Amino acid sequence: MISRLIGGFVSILLGVSLIGPISTETNTAASTVNATGDTCTYAVDSAYIPCQLGLASSWGATVLKLVPGFFALGILGIGIAVTYGSLRDAGVV
């Protein structure tokens, strides 16, 4: 039972610490997608310039921005599974 709690705690701790970087990277990836779904970058004088097109109509960018929310739901599921397993081991459930 204690190993389940320790493993769950470590999993939740790692998951919560990764929400920020995952959100940053998915937003960066979504901002480099134009309305046709192609990546859009221009190199001008060896400088990286992403294009600024309307992303609200891009289905791929919209779905990509949902990834951090589903990742957070997965972390919540880990917490529920650890709680249920611990209660089942203790004979409460």
Protein backbone atom coordinates (compact mmCIF):
# COMPACT_ATOMS: atom_id res chain seq x y z
CA MET A 1 0.00 0.00 0.00
CA ILE A 2 2.79 2.43 0.87
CA SER A 3 4.53 1.70 -2.43
CA ARG A 4 1.34 2.62 -4.29
CA LEU A 5 1.16 5.93 -2.41
CA ILE A 6 4.83 6.75 -3.02
CA GLY A 7 4.57 5.83 -6.71
CA GLY A 8 1.41 7.88 -7.10
CA PHE A 9 2.95 10.85 -5.33
CA VAL A 10 6.02 10.77 -7.58
CA SER A 11 3.86 10.42 -10.71
CA ILE A 12 1.63 13.32 -9.71
CA LEU A 13 4.63 15.47 -8.77
CA LEU A 14 6.32 14.85 -12.12
CA GLY A 15 3.08 15.38 -14.02
CA VAL A 16 2.34 18.68 -12.32
CA SER A 17 5.88 19.91 -12.94
CA LEU A 18 5.52 19.08 -16.66
CA ILE A 19 2.22 20.91 -17.26
CA GLY A 20 3.96 24.27 -17.75
CA PRO A 21 6.54 23.13 -20.33
CA ILE A 22 3.93 21.09 -22.21
CA SER A 23 1.63 24.10 -22.36
CA THR A 24 4.46 26.33 -23.59
CA GLU A 25 5.56 23.91 -26.29
CA THR A 26 2.05 23.21 -27.58
CA ASN A 27 1.29 26.92 -27.77
CA THR A 28 4.55 27.48 -29.64
CA ALA A 29 3.74 24.68 -32.06
CA ALA A 30 0.19 25.97 -32.53
CA SER A 31 1.42 29.48 -33.28
CA THR A 32 3.56 28.26 -36.20
CA VAL A 33 0.60 26.72 -38.04
CA ASN A 34 -1.18 28.89 -40.57
CA ALA A 35 -4.77 28.61 -41.75
CA THR A 36 -3.94 25.92 -44.32
CA GLY A 37 -2.19 23.73 -41.75
CA ASP A 38 1.30 24.29 -43.15
CA THR A 39 4.16 25.43 -40.99
CA CYS A 40 5.06 28.97 -41.87
CA THR A 41 8.52 30.33 -41.16
CA TYR A 42 10.63 32.81 -43.04
CA ALA A 43 14.35 33.39 -42.78
CA VAL A 44 15.24 37.02 -43.38
CA ASP A 45 18.91 37.93 -42.89
CA SER A 46 19.41 34.68 -40.91
CA ALA A 47 16.65 35.67 -38.48
CA TYR A 48 13.75 33.32 -37.72
CA ILE A 49 10.42 35.08 -38.22
CA PRO A 50 7.20 33.11 -37.74
CA CYS A 51 4.26 34.24 -39.80
CA GLN A 52 1.33 35.84 -38.03
CA LEU A 53 -1.75 34.44 -39.70
CA GLY A 54 -5.18 33.92 -38.18
CA LEU A 55 -5.09 30.72 -36.16
CA ALA A 56 -8.71 30.69 -34.98
CA SER A 57 -9.83 28.89 -38.13
CA SER A 58 -7.05 26.31 -38.00
CA TRP A 59 -8.42 23.01 -36.74
CA GLY A 60 -4.99 21.59 -35.98
CA ALA A 61 -3.93 24.54 -33.84
CA THR A 62 -7.20 24.43 -31.92
CA VAL A 63 -6.85 20.73 -31.16
CA LEU A 64 -3.19 21.15 -30.27
CA LYS A 65 -4.08 23.74 -27.66
CA LEU A 66 -6.29 21.12 -25.92
CA VAL A 67 -3.31 18.86 -25.13
CA PRO A 68 -2.39 20.45 -21.73
CA GLY A 69 -5.97 20.08 -20.52
CA PHE A 70 -6.08 16.39 -21.35
CA PHE A 71 -2.65 15.95 -19.76
CA ALA A 72 -4.03 17.51 -16.56
CA LEU A 73 -7.02 15.15 -16.72
CA GLY A 74 -4.58 12.24 -16.94
CA ILE A 75 -2.82 13.44 -13.79
CA LEU A 76 -6.20 13.68 -12.08
CA GLY A 77 -6.88 10.10 -13.16
CA ILE A 78 -3.63 8.99 -11.54
CA GLY A 79 -4.73 10.59 -8.28
CA ILE A 80 -8.12 8.89 -8.44
CA ALA A 81 -6.54 5.50 -9.22
CA VAL A 82 -4.08 5.80 -6.33
CA THR A 83 -6.84 6.80 -3.92
CA TYR A 84 -9.15 4.00 -5.02
CA GLY A 85 -6.36 1.40 -4.93
CA SER A 86 -5.27 2.45 -1.46
CA LEU A 87 -8.82 2.36 -0.15
CA ARG A 88 -9.33 -1.06 -1.73
CA ASP A 89 -6.14 -2.38 -0.13
CA ALA A 90 -7.29 -1.05 3.24
CA GLY A 91 -10.65 -2.82 2.86
CA VAL A 92 -12.76 0.33 2.85
CA VAL A 93 -14.03 -0.15 -0.69
